[in-house]
Amino acid sequence: MTITLPQPIAAYVAADNAGDDAALAACFATDAVVRDEGRAIRGVDAILAWKAESKRKYQYTVESLAVAEAAGGAVLTGRVSGQFPGSPVDLRYVFGLKDNRIATLEIQG
């Protein structure tokens, strides 16, 4: 089954899986906020540092399982596989979009 993701979300998943910092940075608004594991990461530079640390630590990939529209964005269910206890896990990625970029992202377990 093929899942059609909104363009900024498709670009985010592809860039994240490829470890492509330039492409990942282009997905986010300059003042974007990501919430993950109880913390808020603000701004593109901080988001790139968080992603680099997560990739180094967990060596993960994300497989898109489902997507649903939400007010101002979309919710992606993704299967995350990597070097961490309990792998793989299904997570919810709640995206807020603005001007065809990711303005907010909350990752929920």
PDB file of N, CA and C in Angstrom:
ATOM      1  N   MET A   1       0.848  -1.177   0.000  1.00  0.00           N
ATOM      2  CA  MET A   1       0.000   0.000   0.000  1.00  0.00           C
ATOM      3  C   MET A   1       0.894   1.241   0.000  1.00  0.00           C
ATOM      4  N   THR A   2       0.591   2.174  -0.890  1.00  0.00           N
ATOM      5  CA  THR A   2       1.343   3.410  -0.962  1.00  0.00           C
ATOM      6  C   THR A   2       0.621   4.492  -0.176  1.00  0.00           C
ATOM      7  N   ILE A   3       1.357   5.233   0.630  1.00  0.00           N
ATOM      8  CA  ILE A   3       0.802   6.309   1.431  1.00  0.00           C
ATOM      9  C   ILE A   3       1.254   7.623   0.814  1.00  0.00           C
ATOM     10  N   THR A   4       0.307   8.514   0.571  1.00  0.00           N
ATOM     11  CA  THR A   4       0.634   9.818   0.015  1.00  0.00           C
ATOM     12  C   THR A   4       0.721  10.820   1.166  1.00  0.00           C
ATOM     13  N   LEU A   5       1.926  11.320   1.389  1.00  0.00           N
ATOM     14  CA  LEU A   5       2.166  12.275   2.459  1.00  0.00           C
ATOM     15  C   LEU A   5       2.173  13.689   1.896  1.00  0.00           C
ATOM     16  N   PRO A   6       1.748  14.680   2.686  1.00  0.00           N
ATOM     17  CA  PRO A   6       1.929  16.069   2.263  1.00  0.00           C
ATOM     18  C   PRO A   6       3.415  16.317   1.977  1.00  0.00           C
ATOM     19  N   GLN A   7       3.721  17.150   1.002  1.00  0.00           N
ATOM     20  CA  GLN A   7       5.083  17.345   0.526  1.00  0.00           C
ATOM     21  C   GLN A   7       6.100  17.610   1.638  1.00  0.00           C
ATOM     22  N   PRO A   8       5.843  18.543   2.580  1.00  0.00           N
ATOM     23  CA  PRO A   8       6.877  18.781   3.598  1.00  0.00           C
ATOM     24  C   PRO A   8       7.128  17.563   4.491  1.00  0.00           C
ATOM     25  N   ILE A   9       6.094  16.746   4.705  1.00  0.00           N
ATOM     26  CA  ILE A   9       6.244  15.561   5.549  1.00  0.00           C
ATOM     27  C   ILE A   9       6.991  14.468   4.784  1.00  0.00           C
ATOM     28  N   ALA A  10       6.658  14.287   3.518  1.00  0.00           N
ATOM     29  CA  ALA A  10       7.382  13.319   2.693  1.00  0.00           C
ATOM     30  C   ALA A  10       8.861  13.694   2.617  1.00  0.00           C
ATOM     31  N   ALA A  11       9.134  14.983   2.447  1.00  0.00           N
ATOM     32  CA  ALA A  11      10.527  15.444   2.383  1.00  0.00           C
ATOM     33  C   ALA A  11      11.237  15.217   3.709  1.00  0.00           C
ATOM     34  N   TYR A  12      10.532  15.443   4.817  1.00  0.00           N
ATOM     35  CA  TYR A  12      11.101  15.225   6.154  1.00  0.00           C
ATOM     36  C   TYR A  12      11.485  13.761   6.352  1.00  0.00           C
ATOM     37  N   VAL A  13      10.582  12.843   6.028  1.00  0.00           N
ATOM     38  CA  VAL A  13      10.851  11.412   6.227  1.00  0.00           C
ATOM     39  C   VAL A  13      12.031  10.981   5.356  1.00  0.00           C
ATOM     40  N   ALA A  14      12.033  11.413   4.099  1.00  0.00           N
ATOM     41  CA  ALA A  14      13.125  11.040   3.192  1.00  0.00           C
ATOM     42  C   ALA A  14      14.462  11.597   3.680  1.00  0.00           C
ATOM     43  N   ALA A  15      14.486  12.861   4.080  1.00  0.00           N
ATOM     44  CA  ALA A  15      15.727  13.477   4.549  1.00  0.00           C
ATOM     45  C   ALA A  15      16.198  12.853   5.855  1.00  0.00           C
ATOM     46  N   ASP A  16      15.259  12.546   6.755  1.00  0.00           N
ATOM     47  CA  ASP A  16      15.604  11.930   8.033  1.00  0.00           C
ATOM     48  C   ASP A  16      16.216  10.550   7.801  1.00  0.00           C
ATOM     49  N   ASN A  17      15.579   9.739   6.964  1.00  0.00           N
ATOM     50  CA  ASN A  17      16.099   8.397   6.690  1.00  0.00           C
ATOM     51  C   ASN A  17      17.455   8.441   6.001  1.00  0.00           C
ATOM     52  N   ALA A  18      17.675   9.444   5.154  1.00  0.00           N
ATOM     53  CA  ALA A  18      18.939   9.564   4.423  1.00  0.00           C
ATOM     54  C   ALA A  18      20.031  10.253   5.238  1.00  0.00           C
ATOM     55  N   GLY A  19      19.650  10.893   6.354  1.00  0.00           N
ATOM     56  CA  GLY A  19      20.626  11.653   7.137  1.00  0.00           C
ATOM     57  C   GLY A  19      21.104  12.887   6.393  1.00  0.00           C
ATOM     58  N   ASP A  20      20.232  13.487   5.584  1.00  0.00           N
ATOM     59  CA  ASP A  20      20.564  14.645   4.752  1.00  0.00           C
ATOM     60  C   ASP A  20      20.193  15.930   5.488  1.00  0.00           C
ATOM     61  N   ASP A  21      21.182  16.547   6.141  1.00  0.00           N
ATOM     62  CA  ASP A  21      20.931  17.742   6.948  1.00  0.00           C
ATOM     63  C   ASP A  21      20.384  18.908   6.144  1.00  0.00           C
ATOM     64  N   ALA A  22      20.915  19.144   4.952  1.00  0.00           N
ATOM     65  CA  ALA A  22      20.455  20.277   4.145  1.00  0.00           C
ATOM     66  C   ALA A  22      18.985  20.096   3.757  1.00  0.00           C
ATOM     67  N   ALA A  23      18.631  18.905   3.325  1.00  0.00           N
ATOM     68  CA  ALA A  23      17.238  18.636   2.962  1.00  0.00           C
ATOM     69  C   ALA A  23      16.339  18.692   4.187  1.00  0.00           C
ATOM     70  N   LEU A  24      16.818  18.208   5.315  1.00  0.00           N
ATOM     71  CA  LEU A  24      16.041  18.250   6.550  1.00  0.00           C
ATOM     72  C   LEU A  24      15.793  19.687   6.983  1.00  0.00           C
ATOM     73  N   ALA A  25      16.813  20.515   6.932  1.00  0.00           N
ATOM     74  CA  ALA A  25      16.678  21.924   7.318  1.00  0.00           C
ATOM     75  C   ALA A  25      15.639  22.629   6.451  1.00  0.00           C
ATOM     76  N   ALA A  26      15.591  22.280   5.173  1.00  0.00           N
ATOM     77  CA  ALA A  26      14.654  22.919   4.244  1.00  0.00           C
ATOM     78  C   ALA A  26      13.199  22.567   4.547  1.00  0.00           C
ATOM     79  N   CYS A  27      12.957  21.524   5.317  1.00  0.00           N
ATOM     80  CA  CYS A  27      11.594  21.107   5.656  1.00  0.00           C
ATOM     81  C   CYS A  27      10.962  21.993   6.728  1.00  0.00           C
ATOM     82  N   PHE A  28      11.784  22.650   7.529  1.00  0.00           N
ATOM     83  CA  PHE A  28      11.313  23.355   8.716  1.00  0.00           C
ATOM     84  C   PHE A  28      11.265  24.864   8.532  1.00  0.00           C
ATOM     85  N   ALA A  29      10.269  25.493   9.149  1.00  0.00           N
ATOM     86  CA  ALA A  29      10.242  26.944   9.276  1.00  0.00           C
ATOM     87  C   ALA A  29      11.403  27.354  10.191  1.00  0.00           C
ATOM     88  N   THR A  30      11.918  28.550  10.023  1.00  0.00           N
ATOM     89  CA  THR A  30      13.080  28.982  10.811  1.00  0.00           C
ATOM     90  C   THR A  30      12.800  28.974  12.310  1.00  0.00           C
ATOM     91  N   ASP A  31      11.549  29.215  12.705  1.00  0.00           N
ATOM     92  CA  ASP A  31      11.198  29.246  14.128  1.00  0.00           C
ATOM     93  C   ASP A  31      10.455  27.984  14.572  1.00  0.00           C
ATOM     94  N   ALA A  32      10.658  26.881  13.862  1.00  0.00           N
ATOM     95  CA  ALA A  32       9.966  25.620  14.165  1.00  0.00           C
ATOM     96  C   ALA A  32      10.283  25.131  15.570  1.00  0.00           C
ATOM     97  N   VAL A  33       9.334  24.386  16.128  1.00  0.00           N
ATOM     98  CA  VAL A  33       9.497  23.779  17.447  1.00  0.00           C
ATOM     99  C   VAL A  33       9.172  22.294  17.334  1.00  0.00           C
ATOM    100  N   VAL A  34      10.072  21.461  17.866  1.00  0.00           N
ATOM    101  CA  VAL A  34       9.866  20.019  17.922  1.00  0.00           C
ATOM    102  C   VAL A  34       9.763  19.624  19.389  1.00  0.00           C
ATOM    103  N   ARG A  35       8.772  18.776  19.702  1.00  0.00           N
ATOM    104  CA  ARG A  35       8.637  18.240  21.055  1.00  0.00           C
ATOM    105  C   ARG A  35       8.863  16.736  20.980  1.00  0.00           C
ATOM    106  N   ASP A  36       9.839  16.282  21.764  1.00  0.00           N
ATOM    107  CA  ASP A  36      10.190  14.860  21.762  1.00  0.00           C
ATOM    108  C   ASP A  36      10.794  14.509  23.108  1.00  0.00           C
ATOM    109  N   GLU A  37      10.395  13.384  23.650  1.00  0.00           N
ATOM    110  CA  GLU A  37      10.936  12.867  24.908  1.00  0.00           C
ATOM    111  C   GLU A  37      10.943  13.922  26.013  1.00  0.00           C
ATOM    112  N   GLY A  38       9.841  14.675  26.119  1.00  0.00           N
ATOM    113  CA  GLY A  38       9.684  15.633  27.205  1.00  0.00           C
ATOM    114  C   GLY A  38      10.445  16.930  27.053  1.00  0.00           C
ATOM    115  N   ARG A  39      11.004  17.192  25.897  1.00  0.00           N
ATOM    116  CA  ARG A  39      11.711  18.465  25.733  1.00  0.00           C
ATOM    117  C   ARG A  39      11.276  19.157  24.457  1.00  0.00           C
ATOM    118  N   ALA A  40      11.484  20.456  24.420  1.00  0.00           N
ATOM    119  CA  ALA A  40      11.165  21.265  23.247  1.00  0.00           C
ATOM    120  C   ALA A  40      12.473  21.703  22.599  1.00  0.00           C
ATOM    121  N   ILE A  41      12.557  21.498  21.303  1.00  0.00           N
ATOM    122  CA  ILE A  41      13.742  21.876  20.533  1.00  0.00           C
ATOM    123  C   ILE A  41      13.293  22.997  19.610  1.00  0.00           C
ATOM    124  N   ARG A  42      13.937  24.163  19.711  1.00  0.00           N
ATOM    125  CA  ARG A  42      13.487  25.359  18.990  1.00  0.00           C
ATOM    126  C   ARG A  42      14.512  25.834  17.975  1.00  0.00           C
ATOM    127  N   GLY A  43      14.041  26.039  16.754  1.00  0.00           N
ATOM    128  CA  GLY A  43      14.880  26.578  15.702  1.00  0.00           C
ATOM    129  C   GLY A  43      15.589  25.490  14.911  1.00  0.00           C
ATOM    130  N   VAL A  44      15.886  25.801  13.652  1.00  0.00           N
ATOM    131  CA  VAL A  44      16.451  24.811  12.737  1.00  0.00           C
ATOM    132  C   VAL A  44      17.799  24.278  13.208  1.00  0.00           C
ATOM    133  N   ASP A  45      18.686  25.138  13.697  1.00  0.00           N
ATOM    134  CA  ASP A  45      20.003  24.663  14.144  1.00  0.00           C
ATOM    135  C   ASP A  45      19.877  23.667  15.291  1.00  0.00           C
ATOM    136  N   ALA A  46      19.017  23.961  16.249  1.00  0.00           N
ATOM    137  CA  ALA A  46      18.807  23.049  17.383  1.00  0.00           C
ATOM    138  C   ALA A  46      18.152  21.751  16.917  1.00  0.00           C
ATOM    139  N   ILE A  47      17.238  21.843  15.959  1.00  0.00           N
ATOM    140  CA  ILE A  47      16.585  20.646  15.430  1.00  0.00           C
ATOM    141  C   ILE A  47      17.606  19.757  14.725  1.00  0.00           C
ATOM    142  N   LEU A  48      18.491  20.354  13.936  1.00  0.00           N
ATOM    143  CA  LEU A  48      19.531  19.564  13.257  1.00  0.00           C
ATOM    144  C   LEU A  48      20.462  18.891  14.266  1.00  0.00           C
ATOM    145  N   ALA A  49      20.813  19.586  15.336  1.00  0.00           N
ATOM    146  CA  ALA A  49      21.677  18.991  16.368  1.00  0.00           C
ATOM    147  C   ALA A  49      20.959  17.830  17.056  1.00  0.00           C
ATOM    148  N   TRP A  50      19.680  18.000  17.351  1.00  0.00           N
ATOM    149  CA  TRP A  50      18.878  16.931  17.967  1.00  0.00           C
ATOM    150  C   TRP A  50      18.800  15.720  17.052  1.00  0.00           C
ATOM    151  N   LYS A  51      18.543  15.959  15.755  1.00  0.00           N
ATOM    152  CA  LYS A  51      18.465  14.859  14.798  1.00  0.00           C
ATOM    153  C   LYS A  51      19.801  14.123  14.686  1.00  0.00           C
ATOM    154  N   ALA A  52      20.894  14.864  14.619  1.00  0.00           N
ATOM    155  CA  ALA A  52      22.219  14.236  14.502  1.00  0.00           C
ATOM    156  C   ALA A  52      22.506  13.357  15.710  1.00  0.00           C
ATOM    157  N   GLU A  53      22.174  13.846  16.896  1.00  0.00           N
ATOM    158  CA  GLU A  53      22.394  13.069  18.114  1.00  0.00           C
ATOM    159  C   GLU A  53      21.512  11.819  18.131  1.00  0.00           C
ATOM    160  N   SER A  54      20.247  11.958  17.717  1.00  0.00           N
ATOM    161  CA  SER A  54      19.338  10.816  17.677  1.00  0.00           C
ATOM    162  C   SER A  54      19.822   9.763  16.687  1.00  0.00           C
ATOM    163  N   LYS A  55      20.267  10.203  15.513  1.00  0.00           N
ATOM    164  CA  LYS A  55      20.772   9.266  14.496  1.00  0.00           C
ATOM    165  C   LYS A  55      22.010   8.537  15.003  1.00  0.00           C
ATOM    166  N   ARG A  56      22.914   9.283  15.627  1.00  0.00           N
ATOM    167  CA  ARG A  56      24.143   8.680  16.154  1.00  0.00           C
ATOM    168  C   ARG A  56      23.814   7.650  17.232  1.00  0.00           C
ATOM    169  N   LYS A  57      22.921   8.020  18.099  1.00  0.00           N
ATOM    170  CA  LYS A  57      22.595   7.186  19.260  1.00  0.00           C
ATOM    171  C   LYS A  57      21.767   5.947  18.884  1.00  0.00           C
ATOM    172  N   TYR A  58      20.783   6.110  17.993  1.00  0.00           N
ATOM    173  CA  TYR A  58      19.827   5.034  17.735  1.00  0.00           C
ATOM    174  C   TYR A  58      19.933   4.390  16.355  1.00  0.00           C
ATOM    175  N   GLN A  59      20.596   5.043  15.414  1.00  0.00           N
ATOM    176  CA  GLN A  59      20.769   4.505  14.054  1.00  0.00           C
ATOM    177  C   GLN A  59      19.433   3.993  13.508  1.00  0.00           C
ATOM    178  N   TYR A  60      18.450   4.861  13.474  1.00  0.00           N
ATOM    179  CA  TYR A  60      17.081   4.465  13.156  1.00  0.00           C
ATOM    180  C   TYR A  60      16.662   4.843  11.732  1.00  0.00           C
ATOM    181  N   THR A  61      15.592   4.208  11.295  1.00  0.00           N
ATOM    182  CA  THR A  61      14.873   4.596  10.086  1.00  0.00           C
ATOM    183  C   THR A  61      13.387   4.606  10.420  1.00  0.00           C
ATOM    184  N   VAL A  62      12.627   5.336   9.613  1.00  0.00           N
ATOM    185  CA  VAL A  62      11.184   5.449   9.805  1.00  0.00           C
ATOM    186  C   VAL A  62      10.476   4.955   8.554  1.00  0.00           C
ATOM    187  N   GLU A  63       9.508   4.067   8.766  1.00  0.00           N
ATOM    188  CA  GLU A  63       8.653   3.590   7.680  1.00  0.00           C
ATOM    189  C   GLU A  63       7.268   4.188   7.893  1.00  0.00           C
ATOM    190  N   SER A  64       6.753   4.888   6.908  1.00  0.00           N
ATOM    191  CA  SER A  64       5.421   5.492   7.003  1.00  0.00           C
ATOM    192  C   SER A  64       4.357   4.404   6.911  1.00  0.00           C
ATOM    193  N   LEU A  65       3.477   4.362   7.921  1.00  0.00           N
ATOM    194  CA  LEU A  65       2.416   3.360   7.952  1.00  0.00           C
ATOM    195  C   LEU A  65       1.059   3.940   7.594  1.00  0.00           C
ATOM    196  N   ALA A  66       0.765   5.144   8.079  1.00  0.00           N
ATOM    197  CA  ALA A  66      -0.542   5.761   7.852  1.00  0.00           C
ATOM    198  C   ALA A  66      -0.413   7.267   8.056  1.00  0.00           C
ATOM    199  N   VAL A  67      -1.313   7.995   7.424  1.00  0.00           N
ATOM    200  CA  VAL A  67      -1.351   9.443   7.614  1.00  0.00           C
ATOM    201  C   VAL A  67      -2.807   9.875   7.663  1.00  0.00           C
ATOM    202  N   ALA A  68      -3.089  10.851   8.506  1.00  0.00           N
ATOM    203  CA  ALA A  68      -4.431  11.418   8.608  1.00  0.00           C
ATOM    204  C   ALA A  68      -4.302  12.933   8.650  1.00  0.00           C
ATOM    205  N   GLU A  69      -5.223  13.596   7.985  1.00  0.00           N
ATOM    206  CA  GLU A  69      -5.224  15.056   8.040  1.00  0.00           C
ATOM    207  C   GLU A  69      -5.638  15.504   9.426  1.00  0.00           C
ATOM    208  N   ALA A  70      -5.059  16.620   9.840  1.00  0.00           N
ATOM    209  CA  ALA A  70      -5.410  17.238  11.112  1.00  0.00           C
ATOM    210  C   ALA A  70      -5.474  18.734  10.866  1.00  0.00           C
ATOM    211  N   ALA A  71      -6.138  19.449  11.736  1.00  0.00           N
ATOM    212  CA  ALA A  71      -6.256  20.894  11.576  1.00  0.00           C
ATOM    213  C   ALA A  71      -4.866  21.516  11.454  1.00  0.00           C
ATOM    214  N   GLY A  72      -4.603  22.126  10.320  1.00  0.00           N
ATOM    215  CA  GLY A  72      -3.319  22.802  10.121  1.00  0.00           C
ATOM    216  C   GLY A  72      -2.145  21.887   9.866  1.00  0.00           C
ATOM    217  N   GLY A  73      -2.398  20.603   9.619  1.00  0.00           N
ATOM    218  CA  GLY A  73      -1.277  19.696   9.404  1.00  0.00           C
ATOM    219  C   GLY A  73      -1.722  18.272   9.167  1.00  0.00           C
ATOM    220  N   ALA A  74      -0.958  17.345   9.725  1.00  0.00           N
ATOM    221  CA  ALA A  74      -1.251  15.927   9.540  1.00  0.00           C
ATOM    222  C   ALA A  74      -0.612  15.122  10.667  1.00  0.00           C
ATOM    223  N   VAL A  75      -1.132  13.912  10.851  1.00  0.00           N
ATOM    224  CA  VAL A  75      -0.581  12.979  11.823  1.00  0.00           C
ATOM    225  C   VAL A  75      -0.084  11.760  11.059  1.00  0.00           C
ATOM    226  N   LEU A  76       1.200  11.491  11.193  1.00  0.00           N
ATOM    227  CA  LEU A  76       1.834  10.348  10.551  1.00  0.00           C
ATOM    228  C   LEU A  76       2.083   9.281  11.600  1.00  0.00           C
ATOM    229  N   THR A  77       1.679   8.058  11.294  1.00  0.00           N
ATOM    230  CA  THR A  77       2.071   6.921  12.119  1.00  0.00           C
ATOM    231  C   THR A  77       3.252   6.280  11.409  1.00  0.00           C
ATOM    232  N   GLY A  78       4.369   6.183  12.130  1.00  0.00           N
ATOM    233  CA  GLY A  78       5.572   5.624  11.534  1.00  0.00           C
ATOM    234  C   GLY A  78       6.157   4.515  12.389  1.00  0.00           C
ATOM    235  N   ARG A  79       6.688   3.501  11.731  1.00  0.00           N
ATOM    236  CA  ARG A  79       7.384   2.414  12.421  1.00  0.00           C
ATOM    237  C   ARG A  79       8.866   2.767  12.446  1.00  0.00           C
ATOM    238  N   VAL A  80       9.396   2.923  13.652  1.00  0.00           N
ATOM    239  CA  VAL A  80      10.786   3.315  13.839  1.00  0.00           C
ATOM    240  C   VAL A  80      11.583   2.080  14.234  1.00  0.00           C
ATOM    241  N   SER A  81      12.591   1.775  13.424  1.00  0.00           N
ATOM    242  CA  SER A  81      13.469   0.627  13.668  1.00  0.00           C
ATOM    243  C   SER A  81      14.882   1.135  13.843  1.00  0.00           C
ATOM    244  N   GLY A  82      15.584   0.593  14.840  1.00  0.00           N
ATOM    245  CA  GLY A  82      16.958   1.034  15.059  1.00  0.00           C
ATOM    246  C   GLY A  82      17.610   0.288  16.193  1.00  0.00           C
ATOM    247  N   GLN A  83      18.653   0.879  16.716  1.00  0.00           N
ATOM    248  CA  GLN A  83      19.447   0.285  17.793  1.00  0.00           C
ATOM    249  C   GLN A  83      18.967   0.819  19.138  1.00  0.00           C
ATOM    250  N   PHE A  84      17.799   0.356  19.580  1.00  0.00           N
ATOM    251  CA  PHE A  84      17.262   0.743  20.883  1.00  0.00           C
ATOM    252  C   PHE A  84      16.368  -0.383  21.387  1.00  0.00           C
ATOM    253  N   PRO A  85      16.220  -0.496  22.702  1.00  0.00           N
ATOM    254  CA  PRO A  85      15.381  -1.555  23.267  1.00  0.00           C
ATOM    255  C   PRO A  85      13.944  -1.448  22.764  1.00  0.00           C
ATOM    256  N   GLY A  86      13.357  -2.574  22.401  1.00  0.00           N
ATOM    257  CA  GLY A  86      11.974  -2.611  21.955  1.00  0.00           C
ATOM    258  C   GLY A  86      11.781  -2.334  20.474  1.00  0.00           C
ATOM    259  N   SER A  87      12.876  -2.147  19.744  1.00  0.00           N
ATOM    260  CA  SER A  87      12.768  -1.852  18.312  1.00  0.00           C
ATOM    261  C   SER A  87      12.150  -3.037  17.584  1.00  0.00           C
ATOM    262  N   PRO A  88      11.234  -2.790  16.653  1.00  0.00           N
ATOM    263  CA  PRO A  88      10.709  -1.505  16.221  1.00  0.00           C
ATOM    264  C   PRO A  88       9.539  -1.047  17.097  1.00  0.00           C
ATOM    265  N   VAL A  89       9.256   0.260  17.023  1.00  0.00           N
ATOM    266  CA  VAL A  89       8.107   0.839  17.720  1.00  0.00           C
ATOM    267  C   VAL A  89       7.333   1.702  16.734  1.00  0.00           C
ATOM    268  N   ASP A  90       6.032   1.796  16.976  1.00  0.00           N
ATOM    269  CA  ASP A  90       5.195   2.680  16.168  1.00  0.00           C
ATOM    270  C   ASP A  90       4.999   3.981  16.939  1.00  0.00           C
ATOM    271  N   LEU A  91       5.310   5.089  16.290  1.00  0.00           N
ATOM    272  CA  LEU A  91       5.180   6.409  16.892  1.00  0.00           C
ATOM    273  C   LEU A  91       4.236   7.265  16.063  1.00  0.00           C
ATOM    274  N   ARG A  92       3.650   8.258  16.724  1.00  0.00           N
ATOM    275  CA  ARG A  92       2.811   9.247  16.042  1.00  0.00           C
ATOM    276  C   ARG A  92       3.612  10.538  15.921  1.00  0.00           C
ATOM    277  N   TYR A  93       3.634  11.068  14.715  1.00  0.00           N
ATOM    278  CA  TYR A  93       4.299  12.334  14.426  1.00  0.00           C
ATOM    279  C   TYR A  93       3.193  13.338  14.100  1.00  0.00           C
ATOM    280  N   VAL A  94       2.964  14.284  15.000  1.00  0.00           N
ATOM    281  CA  VAL A  94       1.907  15.274  14.819  1.00  0.00           C
ATOM    282  C   VAL A  94       2.558  16.542  14.246  1.00  0.00           C
ATOM    283  N   PHE A  95       2.272  16.804  12.970  1.00  0.00           N
ATOM    284  CA  PHE A  95       2.882  17.916  12.252  1.00  0.00           C
ATOM    285  C   PHE A  95       1.922  19.093  12.173  1.00  0.00           C
ATOM    286  N   GLY A  96       2.440  20.271  12.463  1.00  0.00           N
ATOM    287  CA  GLY A  96       1.752  21.522  12.165  1.00  0.00           C
ATOM    288  C   GLY A  96       2.479  22.160  11.001  1.00  0.00           C
ATOM    289  N   LEU A  97       1.748  22.489   9.954  1.00  0.00           N
ATOM    290  CA  LEU A  97       2.359  23.026   8.740  1.00  0.00           C
ATOM    291  C   LEU A  97       1.984  24.491   8.562  1.00  0.00           C
ATOM    292  N   LYS A  98       2.932  25.257   8.021  1.00  0.00           N
ATOM    293  CA  LYS A  98       2.689  26.669   7.724  1.00  0.00           C
ATOM    294  C   LYS A  98       3.551  27.036   6.520  1.00  0.00           C
ATOM    295  N   ASP A  99       2.929  27.622   5.502  1.00  0.00           N
ATOM    296  CA  ASP A  99       3.653  28.040   4.300  1.00  0.00           C
ATOM    297  C   ASP A  99       4.476  26.898   3.702  1.00  0.00           C
ATOM    298  N   ASN A 100       3.888  25.694   3.672  1.00  0.00           N
ATOM    299  CA  ASN A 100       4.497  24.501   3.093  1.00  0.00           C
ATOM    300  C   ASN A 100       5.798  24.074   3.795  1.00  0.00           C
ATOM    301  N   ARG A 101       5.901  24.396   5.074  1.00  0.00           N
ATOM    302  CA  ARG A 101       7.029  23.954   5.899  1.00  0.00           C
ATOM    303  C   ARG A 101       6.488  23.444   7.224  1.00  0.00           C
ATOM    304  N   ILE A 102       7.332  22.701   7.932  1.00  0.00           N
ATOM    305  CA  ILE A 102       6.938  22.191   9.251  1.00  0.00           C
ATOM    306  C   ILE A 102       7.176  23.288  10.275  1.00  0.00           C
ATOM    307  N   ALA A 103       6.098  23.700  10.930  1.00  0.00           N
ATOM    308  CA  ALA A 103       6.174  24.720  11.964  1.00  0.00           C
ATOM    309  C   ALA A 103       6.273  24.086  13.350  1.00  0.00           C
ATOM    310  N   THR A 104       5.561  22.969  13.520  1.00  0.00           N
ATOM    311  CA  THR A 104       5.616  22.232  14.788  1.00  0.00           C
ATOM    312  C   THR A 104       5.627  20.738  14.483  1.00  0.00           C
ATOM    313  N   LEU A 105       6.269  20.009  15.359  1.00  0.00           N
ATOM    314  CA  LEU A 105       6.287  18.550  15.284  1.00  0.00           C
ATOM    315  C   LEU A 105       6.319  18.022  16.697  1.00  0.00           C
ATOM    316  N   GLU A 106       5.353  17.158  17.021  1.00  0.00           N
ATOM    317  CA  GLU A 106       5.365  16.475  18.313  1.00  0.00           C
ATOM    318  C   GLU A 106       5.410  14.991  18.049  1.00  0.00           C
ATOM    319  N   ILE A 107       6.411  14.327  18.636  1.00  0.00           N
ATOM    320  CA  ILE A 107       6.569  12.889  18.469  1.00  0.00           C
ATOM    321  C   ILE A 107       6.017  12.217  19.712  1.00  0.00           C
ATOM    322  N   GLN A 108       5.046  11.339  19.494  1.00  0.00           N
ATOM    323  CA  GLN A 108       4.349  10.688  20.604  1.00  0.00           C
ATOM    324  C   GLN A 108       4.546   9.183  20.543  1.00  0.00           C
ATOM    325  N   GLY A 109       4.793   8.608  21.725  1.00  0.00           N
ATOM    326  CA  GLY A 109       4.983   7.157  21.821  1.00  0.00           C
ATOM    327  C   GLY A 109       3.741   6.463  21.938  1.00  0.00           C
TER     328      GLY A 109
END
